Protein backbone atom coordinates (compact mmCIF):
# COMPACT_ATOMS: atom_id res chain seq x y z
CA ALA A 1 -99.69 -36.17 -9.49
CA LYS A 2 -102.23 -34.72 -11.90
CA GLY A 3 -100.15 -31.57 -12.52
CA PHE A 4 -97.10 -33.72 -13.20
CA GLY A 5 -99.02 -35.64 -15.85
CA MET A 6 -100.27 -38.78 -14.11
CA PRO A 7 -103.99 -38.27 -13.45
CA THR A 8 -104.53 -41.91 -12.49
CA ALA A 9 -101.83 -42.13 -9.82
CA THR A 10 -102.78 -44.46 -6.99
CA GLU A 11 -102.18 -44.03 -3.26
CA GLU A 12 -99.15 -46.29 -3.66
CA THR A 13 -97.58 -44.30 -6.50
CA VAL A 14 -98.50 -40.79 -5.36
CA VAL A 15 -96.03 -41.03 -2.45
CA LEU A 16 -93.21 -40.82 -4.99
CA PHE A 17 -94.18 -37.24 -5.80
CA ALA A 18 -93.01 -36.04 -2.38
CA SER A 19 -89.56 -37.19 -3.44
CA ALA A 20 -89.83 -35.30 -6.72
CA THR A 21 -90.97 -32.21 -4.81
CA GLY A 22 -87.91 -32.42 -2.57
CA ARG A 23 -85.69 -32.84 -5.61
CA ASN A 24 -87.22 -29.80 -7.28
CA LEU A 25 -87.07 -27.62 -4.16
CA GLY A 26 -83.42 -28.50 -3.64
CA ALA A 27 -82.66 -27.64 -7.25
CA GLY A 28 -84.56 -24.36 -6.95
CA VAL A 29 -82.64 -23.31 -3.85
CA PHE A 30 -79.36 -24.14 -5.59
CA LEU A 31 -80.38 -22.17 -8.70
CA TRP A 32 -81.34 -19.08 -6.70
CA THR A 33 -78.11 -19.31 -4.71
CA GLN A 34 -76.07 -19.30 -7.91
CA ILE A 35 -78.15 -16.49 -9.41
CA LEU A 36 -77.65 -14.34 -6.31
CA ARG A 37 -73.93 -15.11 -6.32
CA GLY A 38 -73.72 -14.28 -10.02
CA ASP A 39 -71.99 -17.60 -10.73
CA LYS A 40 -73.00 -18.15 -14.35
CA ARG A 41 -70.54 -20.98 -14.92
CA THR A 42 -71.81 -23.18 -12.08
CA LEU A 43 -75.39 -22.28 -12.94
CA GLY A 44 -74.81 -23.25 -16.58
CA MET A 45 -73.23 -26.58 -15.68
CA PHE A 46 -76.10 -27.33 -13.32
CA MET A 47 -78.68 -26.56 -16.02
CA ILE A 48 -76.96 -28.94 -18.42
CA CYS A 49 -76.86 -31.69 -15.80
CA TRP A 50 -80.44 -31.00 -14.71
CA ALA A 51 -81.67 -32.13 -18.13
CA TRP A 52 -81.29 -35.70 -16.83
CA ALA A 53 -84.06 -35.03 -14.30
CA GLY A 54 -86.25 -34.11 -17.26
CA VAL A 55 -85.25 -37.28 -19.10
CA ALA A 56 -86.25 -39.32 -16.04
CA ASP A 57 -89.59 -37.50 -15.81
CA CYS A 58 -90.25 -38.11 -19.51
CA MET A 59 -89.47 -41.81 -19.10
CA ILE A 60 -91.96 -42.05 -16.22
CA LEU A 61 -94.67 -40.46 -18.35
CA LEU A 62 -93.85 -42.59 -21.40
CA ARG A 63 -94.07 -45.79 -19.37
CA HIS A 64 -97.28 -44.84 -17.57
CA PRO A 65 -100.36 -45.86 -19.58
CA ASP A 66 -102.20 -42.62 -18.76
CA GLY A 67 -99.20 -40.27 -18.73
CA GLU A 68 -99.92 -36.69 -19.76
CA ASN A 69 -97.95 -33.42 -20.03
CA LEU A 70 -95.11 -35.19 -21.82
CA THR A 71 -94.64 -32.27 -24.21
CA MET A 72 -94.11 -29.84 -21.31
CA HIS A 73 -91.46 -32.12 -19.81
CA MET A 74 -89.75 -32.59 -23.18
CA VAL A 75 -89.62 -28.82 -23.76
CA ASN A 76 -88.10 -28.29 -20.31
CA THR A 77 -85.59 -31.08 -20.97
CA VAL A 78 -84.42 -29.23 -24.09
CA LEU A 79 -84.52 -25.73 -22.60
CA ALA A 80 -82.46 -26.54 -19.49
CA PRO A 81 -79.25 -27.53 -21.32
CA THR A 82 -79.82 -24.84 -23.96
CA PHE A 83 -79.84 -22.13 -21.29
CA GLY A 84 -76.95 -23.89 -19.58
CA ILE A 85 -74.82 -23.66 -22.71
CA LEU A 86 -75.78 -20.00 -23.16
CA LEU A 87 -74.76 -19.29 -19.56
CA LEU A 88 -71.40 -21.01 -20.07
CA ARG A 89 -70.75 -18.91 -23.16
CA SER A 90 -71.70 -15.60 -21.54
């Protein structure tokens, strides 16, 4: 939870991070599959859609009184669709 940006996560809230880990691992496997297939179009569309995961993460950090690492999440939220658009245009 600390690496995500919530250093004061409790035992009750820290269980949610296993879900986020599963979400991220699933996304990573999908990304690598598309990279290995050379499917830039699907990869680009996924990157654009994946920005919503970043929006959700930013909202969690904004609403948490001790949320940290918001800047990192915001940068990733902007970079994902930017790279997605570049992939679609390539």
